[in-house]
Amino acid sequence: MWYETLPPLLIIGVLMTTYQVNSVLVTKLLMGVPYRREIDDVFQRVMWTRDTRISGVPWRLAGLENIPDETPKKQ
């Protein structure tokens, strides 16, 4: 009957949830942040390099408050 599909669905659901939770915990442990930036397409790679250049670390998202208004003048 239909209720025979519940145990496999429960097992699959628990395994998928466990993977997501463990992924967040391992990334938090290794990098110090609970998420990981994806660089699959060109736009994400550009944002990765921009955040690395502005804030020094690629996993800290850089908003407008981190971009300097003026370039420092050379003396």
C-alpha atoms as a PDB file:
ATOM      1  CA  MET A   1       0.000   0.000   0.000  1.00  0.00           C
ATOM      2  CA  TRP A   2       0.955   3.665  -0.028  1.00  0.00           C
ATOM      3  CA  TYR A   3       2.254   3.595   3.544  1.00  0.00           C
ATOM      4  CA  GLU A   4       5.040   1.207   2.516  1.00  0.00           C
ATOM      5  CA  THR A   5       6.774   4.138   0.796  1.00  0.00           C
ATOM      6  CA  LEU A   6       7.021   6.162   4.015  1.00  0.00           C
ATOM      7  CA  PRO A   7      10.149   4.475   5.507  1.00  0.00           C
ATOM      8  CA  PRO A   8      12.279   4.980   2.360  1.00  0.00           C
ATOM      9  CA  LEU A   9      11.055   8.565   2.058  1.00  0.00           C
ATOM     10  CA  LEU A  10      11.894   9.170   5.706  1.00  0.00           C
ATOM     11  CA  ILE A  11      15.385   7.685   5.274  1.00  0.00           C
ATOM     12  CA  ILE A  12      16.070   9.782   2.168  1.00  0.00           C
ATOM     13  CA  GLY A  13      14.755  12.925   3.878  1.00  0.00           C
ATOM     14  CA  VAL A  14      16.925  12.389   6.963  1.00  0.00           C
ATOM     15  CA  LEU A  15      20.038  11.745   4.857  1.00  0.00           C
ATOM     16  CA  MET A  16      19.472  14.848   2.741  1.00  0.00           C
ATOM     17  CA  THR A  17      18.897  16.994   5.825  1.00  0.00           C
ATOM     18  CA  THR A  18      21.965  15.555   7.538  1.00  0.00           C
ATOM     19  CA  TYR A  19      24.099  16.398   4.519  1.00  0.00           C
ATOM     20  CA  GLN A  20      22.920  20.024   4.505  1.00  0.00           C
ATOM     21  CA  VAL A  21      23.458  20.484   8.247  1.00  0.00           C
ATOM     22  CA  ASN A  22      26.894  18.843   8.153  1.00  0.00           C
ATOM     23  CA  SER A  23      27.892  20.973   5.168  1.00  0.00           C
ATOM     24  CA  VAL A  24      27.104  24.141   7.124  1.00  0.00           C
ATOM     25  CA  LEU A  25      28.913  22.893  10.240  1.00  0.00           C
ATOM     26  CA  VAL A  26      32.058  21.806   8.372  1.00  0.00           C
ATOM     27  CA  THR A  27      32.230  25.082   6.450  1.00  0.00           C
ATOM     28  CA  LYS A  28      31.762  26.993   9.718  1.00  0.00           C
ATOM     29  CA  LEU A  29      34.550  24.960  11.314  1.00  0.00           C
ATOM     30  CA  LEU A  30      37.028  25.305   8.433  1.00  0.00           C
ATOM     31  CA  MET A  31      36.365  28.823   7.153  1.00  0.00           C
ATOM     32  CA  GLY A  32      34.630  30.532  10.070  1.00  0.00           C
ATOM     33  CA  VAL A  33      31.423  31.282   8.168  1.00  0.00           C
ATOM     34  CA  PRO A  34      28.308  29.104   7.823  1.00  0.00           C
ATOM     35  CA  TYR A  35      28.088  29.384   4.033  1.00  0.00           C
ATOM     36  CA  ARG A  36      30.330  28.875   1.063  1.00  0.00           C
ATOM     37  CA  ARG A  37      30.474  31.047  -2.037  1.00  0.00           C
ATOM     38  CA  GLU A  38      29.931  29.295  -5.325  1.00  0.00           C
ATOM     39  CA  ILE A  39      32.051  30.321  -8.291  1.00  0.00           C
ATOM     40  CA  ASP A  40      30.371  28.302 -11.015  1.00  0.00           C
ATOM     41  CA  ASP A  41      29.688  31.119 -13.451  1.00  0.00           C
ATOM     42  CA  VAL A  42      31.591  34.213 -14.517  1.00  0.00           C
ATOM     43  CA  PHE A  43      29.533  36.663 -12.435  1.00  0.00           C
ATOM     44  CA  GLN A  44      30.172  34.739  -9.212  1.00  0.00           C
ATOM     45  CA  ARG A  45      33.915  34.592  -9.993  1.00  0.00           C
ATOM     46  CA  VAL A  46      33.940  38.352 -10.534  1.00  0.00           C
ATOM     47  CA  MET A  47      32.185  38.876  -7.190  1.00  0.00           C
ATOM     48  CA  TRP A  48      34.676  36.478  -5.522  1.00  0.00           C
ATOM     49  CA  THR A  49      37.662  38.453  -6.788  1.00  0.00           C
ATOM     50  CA  ARG A  50      35.980  41.793  -5.960  1.00  0.00           C
ATOM     51  CA  ASP A  51      35.331  40.731  -2.359  1.00  0.00           C
ATOM     52  CA  THR A  52      38.874  39.393  -2.076  1.00  0.00           C
ATOM     53  CA  ARG A  53      40.282  42.679  -3.343  1.00  0.00           C
ATOM     54  CA  ILE A  54      38.068  44.900  -1.161  1.00  0.00           C
ATOM     55  CA  SER A  55      37.843  43.044   2.139  1.00  0.00           C
ATOM     56  CA  GLY A  56      40.888  40.777   1.900  1.00  0.00           C
ATOM     57  CA  VAL A  57      38.949  37.557   2.369  1.00  0.00           C
ATOM     58  CA  PRO A  58      36.581  36.097  -0.243  1.00  0.00           C
ATOM     59  CA  TRP A  59      34.010  34.708   2.176  1.00  0.00           C
ATOM     60  CA  ARG A  60      33.214  38.072   3.785  1.00  0.00           C
ATOM     61  CA  LEU A  61      30.638  39.700   1.556  1.00  0.00           C
ATOM     62  CA  ALA A  62      31.566  43.258   0.695  1.00  0.00           C
ATOM     63  CA  GLY A  63      28.750  45.732   0.373  1.00  0.00           C
ATOM     64  CA  LEU A  64      28.838  49.385  -0.585  1.00  0.00           C
ATOM     65  CA  GLU A  65      29.993  50.364   2.895  1.00  0.00           C
ATOM     66  CA  ASN A  66      33.317  48.563   2.291  1.00  0.00           C
ATOM     67  CA  ILE A  67      34.129  50.295  -0.999  1.00  0.00           C
ATOM     68  CA  PRO A  68      36.206  53.426  -0.459  1.00  0.00           C
ATOM     69  CA  ASP A  69      34.737  56.672  -1.789  1.00  0.00           C
ATOM     70  CA  GLU A  70      37.993  58.103  -3.061  1.00  0.00           C
ATOM     71  CA  THR A  71      41.326  56.652  -3.980  1.00  0.00           C
ATOM     72  CA  PRO A  72      44.169  57.713  -1.678  1.00  0.00           C
ATOM     73  CA  LYS A  73      46.410  60.412  -3.141  1.00  0.00           C
ATOM     74  CA  LYS A  74      50.054  59.603  -3.675  1.00  0.00           C
ATOM     75  CA  GLN A  75      52.467  62.085  -2.139  1.00  0.00           C
END
